[in-house]
Amino acid sequence: MFNVLAAIFSKEYVKTRTSMLILFALGISLAAVIYFDLNRLFMLDHPEIVWYHTLDLKQIPYGIFKYLPMLSATVFCFCQFLPEMRDERLRISLHLPCPLGLLLLAHIVYGLIFLMALMIAESGAILIILGRKYPLAYLPEAFWTMLPWCLAGIYAYLCCAWVLLEPKKKTKVLGLILGVCICTPLFQHYTPGAFSTAYLPFILGIPLLTVSLFLPALHFRTREVE
């Protein structure tokens, strides 16, 4: 069983390594943009004025990061699952001596591991950049501000996987509606740091949605090729 899972991870790496490199480069580029923008702000005005706009007026100097996790997750999901669904390639994996649930979980866990590592690296780089310009007490607020954007990326990946794996058009629409309903509140305009009291239900929903992906995979396995 371990050899089967290792083979799946190896196959996924070979298939997605180019997209992983591109998304990682995109994250580095965005962090560089934030770095240069912050330097420009502090060059044009006194630090006290910049701090006032950020700490008191609640302006977000790293706002361009907002939709990057969702964009990265959606692109990676298509790179990971679209080749599997094209020409019924996933059916080849279904012949492996591995239960369907474990097989699908290996694919999903691989994607989640990469996306979480990518988001941690991106948000960590932003926090380091902010720590060089702002008081350290500001960093927890920035962390709680970025957390819902990263959660939206995770949910976008899972719902996109639902849409790609599900063979029934009506159920595809259900997965799309679910993704919109979950991600929309995560992008609402909150006071920076206000989401820190509401993150737990969204985190607990991730394993539930992951398990629910077994249903579209089961539909795919049992349907006849049209």
Protein backbone atom coordinates (compact mmCIF):
# COMPACT_ATOMS: atom_id res chain seq x y z
CA MET A 1 0.00 0.00 0.00
CA PHE A 2 2.83 2.40 0.83
CA ASN A 3 4.39 1.74 -2.56
CA VAL A 4 1.10 2.60 -4.27
CA LEU A 5 0.80 5.90 -2.39
CA ALA A 6 4.44 6.75 -3.09
CA ALA A 7 3.83 6.05 -6.77
CA ILE A 8 0.79 8.37 -6.77
CA PHE A 9 2.77 11.17 -5.12
CA SER A 10 5.60 10.67 -7.63
CA LYS A 11 3.17 10.75 -10.55
CA GLU A 12 1.52 13.91 -9.23
CA TYR A 13 4.88 15.60 -8.79
CA VAL A 14 5.97 14.83 -12.36
CA LYS A 15 2.63 16.07 -13.67
CA THR A 16 2.45 19.30 -11.65
CA ARG A 17 6.07 20.33 -11.08
CA THR A 18 5.97 22.98 -13.81
CA SER A 19 2.82 24.57 -12.42
CA MET A 20 4.29 24.40 -8.91
CA LEU A 21 7.38 26.27 -10.05
CA ILE A 22 5.31 28.91 -11.86
CA LEU A 23 3.04 29.48 -8.85
CA PHE A 24 6.02 29.70 -6.52
CA ALA A 25 7.65 32.26 -8.82
CA LEU A 26 4.40 34.21 -8.89
CA GLY A 27 4.35 34.30 -5.09
CA ILE A 28 7.94 35.54 -4.95
CA SER A 29 7.14 38.23 -7.52
CA LEU A 30 4.14 39.43 -5.54
CA ALA A 31 6.17 39.55 -2.32
CA ALA A 32 8.76 41.63 -4.16
CA VAL A 33 6.04 44.02 -5.35
CA ILE A 34 4.79 44.44 -1.78
CA TYR A 35 8.35 45.04 -0.59
CA PHE A 36 9.02 47.78 -3.14
CA ASP A 37 5.60 49.36 -2.58
CA LEU A 38 6.24 49.57 1.16
CA ASN A 39 9.68 51.07 0.58
CA ARG A 40 8.10 53.66 -1.70
CA LEU A 41 5.48 54.54 0.95
CA PHE A 42 8.12 55.05 3.62
CA MET A 43 10.26 57.10 1.24
CA LEU A 44 7.38 59.42 0.32
CA ASP A 45 6.19 60.03 3.87
CA HIS A 46 7.27 59.87 7.50
CA PRO A 47 6.97 56.44 9.17
CA GLU A 48 4.51 57.84 11.70
CA ILE A 49 2.15 58.88 8.89
CA VAL A 50 2.36 55.49 7.18
CA TRP A 51 1.78 53.73 10.51
CA TYR A 52 -1.22 55.98 11.15
CA HIS A 53 -2.82 55.01 7.84
CA THR A 54 -2.23 51.32 8.51
CA LEU A 55 -2.77 50.99 12.27
CA ASP A 56 -5.49 53.59 12.84
CA LEU A 57 -7.22 53.98 9.48
CA LYS A 58 -6.94 50.20 8.87
CA GLN A 59 -5.54 50.44 5.35
CA ILE A 60 -4.00 47.19 4.08
CA PRO A 61 -0.63 47.72 2.36
CA TYR A 62 -0.51 44.08 1.17
CA GLY A 63 -4.00 44.02 -0.38
CA ILE A 64 -2.75 42.66 -3.72
CA PHE A 65 -2.25 39.32 -1.94
CA LYS A 66 -6.00 39.00 -1.36
CA TYR A 67 -6.96 36.88 -4.37
CA LEU A 68 -3.63 35.18 -5.01
CA PRO A 69 -4.32 32.06 -2.86
CA MET A 70 -7.63 31.42 -4.63
CA LEU A 71 -6.08 32.00 -8.05
CA SER A 72 -3.13 29.71 -7.27
CA ALA A 73 -5.41 26.99 -5.90
CA THR A 74 -7.71 27.08 -8.93
CA VAL A 75 -4.84 26.98 -11.42
CA PHE A 76 -3.12 24.14 -9.56
CA CYS A 77 -6.35 22.13 -9.31
CA PHE A 78 -6.87 22.35 -13.07
CA CYS A 79 -3.24 21.35 -13.68
CA GLN A 80 -3.64 18.41 -11.34
CA PHE A 81 -7.06 17.00 -12.24
CA LEU A 82 -7.83 18.15 -15.76
CA PRO A 83 -5.26 15.74 -17.30
CA GLU A 84 -6.75 12.96 -15.13
CA MET A 85 -10.26 13.59 -16.42
CA ARG A 86 -9.28 14.12 -20.05
CA ASP A 87 -9.72 10.88 -22.00
CA GLU A 88 -10.72 9.11 -18.75
CA ARG A 89 -7.11 8.85 -17.51
CA LEU A 90 -8.24 8.54 -13.90
CA ARG A 91 -9.70 5.15 -14.75
CA ILE A 92 -6.15 3.80 -15.08
CA SER A 93 -5.47 4.68 -11.43
CA LEU A 94 -8.69 2.94 -10.40
CA HIS A 95 -7.13 -0.40 -11.39
CA LEU A 96 -4.42 -0.03 -8.75
CA PRO A 97 -4.66 -2.32 -5.68
CA CYS A 98 -5.84 0.58 -3.57
CA PRO A 99 -9.30 1.52 -2.21
CA LEU A 100 -11.02 4.39 -4.03
CA GLY A 101 -11.16 6.52 -0.88
CA LEU A 102 -7.46 6.17 -0.19
CA LEU A 103 -6.60 6.73 -3.85
CA LEU A 104 -8.55 9.98 -4.00
CA LEU A 105 -7.29 11.08 -0.60
CA ALA A 106 -3.70 10.69 -1.81
CA HIS A 107 -4.38 13.04 -4.73
CA ILE A 108 -6.16 15.60 -2.54
CA VAL A 109 -3.58 15.47 0.26
CA TYR A 110 -0.80 16.03 -2.27
CA GLY A 111 -2.53 19.15 -3.55
CA LEU A 112 -3.32 20.43 -0.07
CA ILE A 113 0.25 19.93 1.11
CA PHE A 114 1.62 21.93 -1.79
CA LEU A 115 -0.95 24.72 -1.49
CA MET A 116 -0.53 25.08 2.25
CA ALA A 117 3.25 25.15 1.88
CA LEU A 118 2.90 27.77 -0.86
CA MET A 119 0.54 29.93 1.22
CA ILE A 120 2.69 29.63 4.32
CA ALA A 121 5.74 30.70 2.33
CA GLU A 122 3.90 33.63 0.73
CA SER A 123 2.23 34.90 3.89
CA GLY A 124 5.43 34.30 5.88
CA ALA A 125 7.40 36.41 3.39
CA ILE A 126 4.81 39.18 3.70
CA LEU A 127 4.97 39.07 7.50
CA ILE A 128 8.78 39.30 7.38
CA ILE A 129 8.53 42.30 5.05
CA LEU A 130 5.98 43.96 7.32
CA GLY A 131 8.12 43.22 10.38
CA ARG A 132 10.92 45.31 8.89
CA LYS A 133 8.69 48.37 8.55
CA TYR A 134 6.00 48.10 11.23
CA PRO A 135 5.99 47.40 14.97
CA LEU A 136 6.00 43.67 15.73
CA ALA A 137 2.66 44.05 17.52
CA TYR A 138 1.08 44.64 14.10
CA LEU A 139 2.04 41.21 12.74
CA PRO A 140 -0.73 39.17 14.49
CA GLU A 141 -3.32 41.52 13.00
CA ALA A 142 -1.80 41.03 9.54
CA PHE A 143 -1.81 37.25 10.05
CA TRP A 144 -5.52 37.16 10.95
CA THR A 145 -6.24 39.41 7.98
CA MET A 146 -4.55 37.05 5.51
CA LEU A 147 -5.93 33.84 7.03
CA PRO A 148 -9.43 34.02 5.43
CA TRP A 149 -7.84 34.65 2.02
CA CYS A 150 -5.75 31.49 2.43
CA LEU A 151 -8.79 29.52 3.60
CA ALA A 152 -10.64 30.70 0.51
CA GLY A 153 -7.79 29.25 -1.54
CA ILE A 154 -8.14 25.86 0.16
CA TYR A 155 -11.90 25.82 -0.39
CA ALA A 156 -11.46 26.93 -4.00
CA TYR A 157 -9.16 23.93 -4.56
CA LEU A 158 -11.60 21.45 -3.01
CA CYS A 159 -14.66 22.82 -4.81
CA CYS A 160 -12.77 22.97 -8.10
CA ALA A 161 -11.78 19.32 -7.60
CA TRP A 162 -15.46 18.53 -6.98
CA VAL A 163 -16.45 20.17 -10.28
CA LEU A 164 -13.72 18.39 -12.25
CA LEU A 165 -14.29 14.94 -10.73
CA GLU A 166 -18.09 14.96 -10.89
CA PRO A 167 -19.46 13.55 -14.19
CA LYS A 168 -23.02 14.82 -13.65
CA LYS A 169 -23.61 18.36 -14.85
CA LYS A 170 -26.21 19.20 -12.20
CA THR A 171 -23.87 18.10 -9.43
CA LYS A 172 -21.04 20.10 -11.01
CA VAL A 173 -23.21 23.19 -10.63
CA LEU A 174 -23.78 22.26 -6.98
CA GLY A 175 -20.03 22.18 -6.39
CA LEU A 176 -19.64 25.56 -8.10
CA ILE A 177 -22.43 27.10 -6.00
CA LEU A 178 -20.89 25.63 -2.85
CA GLY A 179 -17.53 27.19 -3.66
CA VAL A 180 -19.09 30.61 -4.27
CA CYS A 181 -21.13 30.45 -1.06
CA ILE A 182 -18.12 29.49 1.07
CA CYS A 183 -15.55 31.81 -0.48
CA THR A 184 -17.73 34.92 -0.70
CA PRO A 185 -17.84 35.65 3.07
CA LEU A 186 -14.10 35.04 3.28
CA PHE A 187 -13.54 37.98 0.93
CA GLN A 188 -15.89 40.38 2.67
CA HIS A 189 -14.42 43.67 3.87
CA TYR A 190 -13.59 43.08 7.52
CA THR A 191 -11.67 45.31 9.86
CA PRO A 192 -8.13 43.89 9.75
CA GLY A 193 -7.85 41.16 12.37
CA ALA A 194 -11.62 40.89 12.97
CA PHE A 195 -11.77 37.38 11.45
CA SER A 196 -9.72 35.94 14.33
CA THR A 197 -12.92 35.08 16.24
CA ALA A 198 -14.63 33.26 13.35
CA TYR A 199 -11.96 31.14 11.67
CA LEU A 200 -12.63 27.87 13.52
CA PRO A 201 -15.85 26.81 11.66
CA PHE A 202 -14.14 27.39 8.31
CA ILE A 203 -11.14 25.28 9.33
CA LEU A 204 -13.37 22.45 10.59
CA GLY A 205 -15.22 22.46 7.27
CA ILE A 206 -12.10 21.54 5.29
CA PRO A 207 -11.94 17.83 6.31
CA LEU A 208 -15.73 17.53 5.83
CA LEU A 209 -15.54 18.85 2.28
CA THR A 210 -12.51 16.63 1.60
CA VAL A 211 -14.45 13.52 2.62
CA SER A 212 -17.44 14.62 0.52
CA LEU A 213 -15.23 14.43 -2.60
CA PHE A 214 -15.51 10.63 -2.39
CA LEU A 215 -19.04 10.98 -3.82
CA PRO A 216 -18.04 12.63 -7.15
CA ALA A 217 -15.18 10.13 -7.45
CA LEU A 218 -17.62 7.26 -6.90
CA HIS A 219 -19.94 8.70 -9.54
CA PHE A 220 -17.03 8.85 -11.96
CA ARG A 221 -15.98 5.26 -11.32
CA THR A 222 -19.45 3.73 -11.71
CA ARG A 223 -20.66 5.66 -14.77
CA GLU A 224 -20.32 4.31 -18.27
CA VAL A 225 -18.06 6.09 -20.74
CA GLU A 226 -20.25 8.18 -23.02
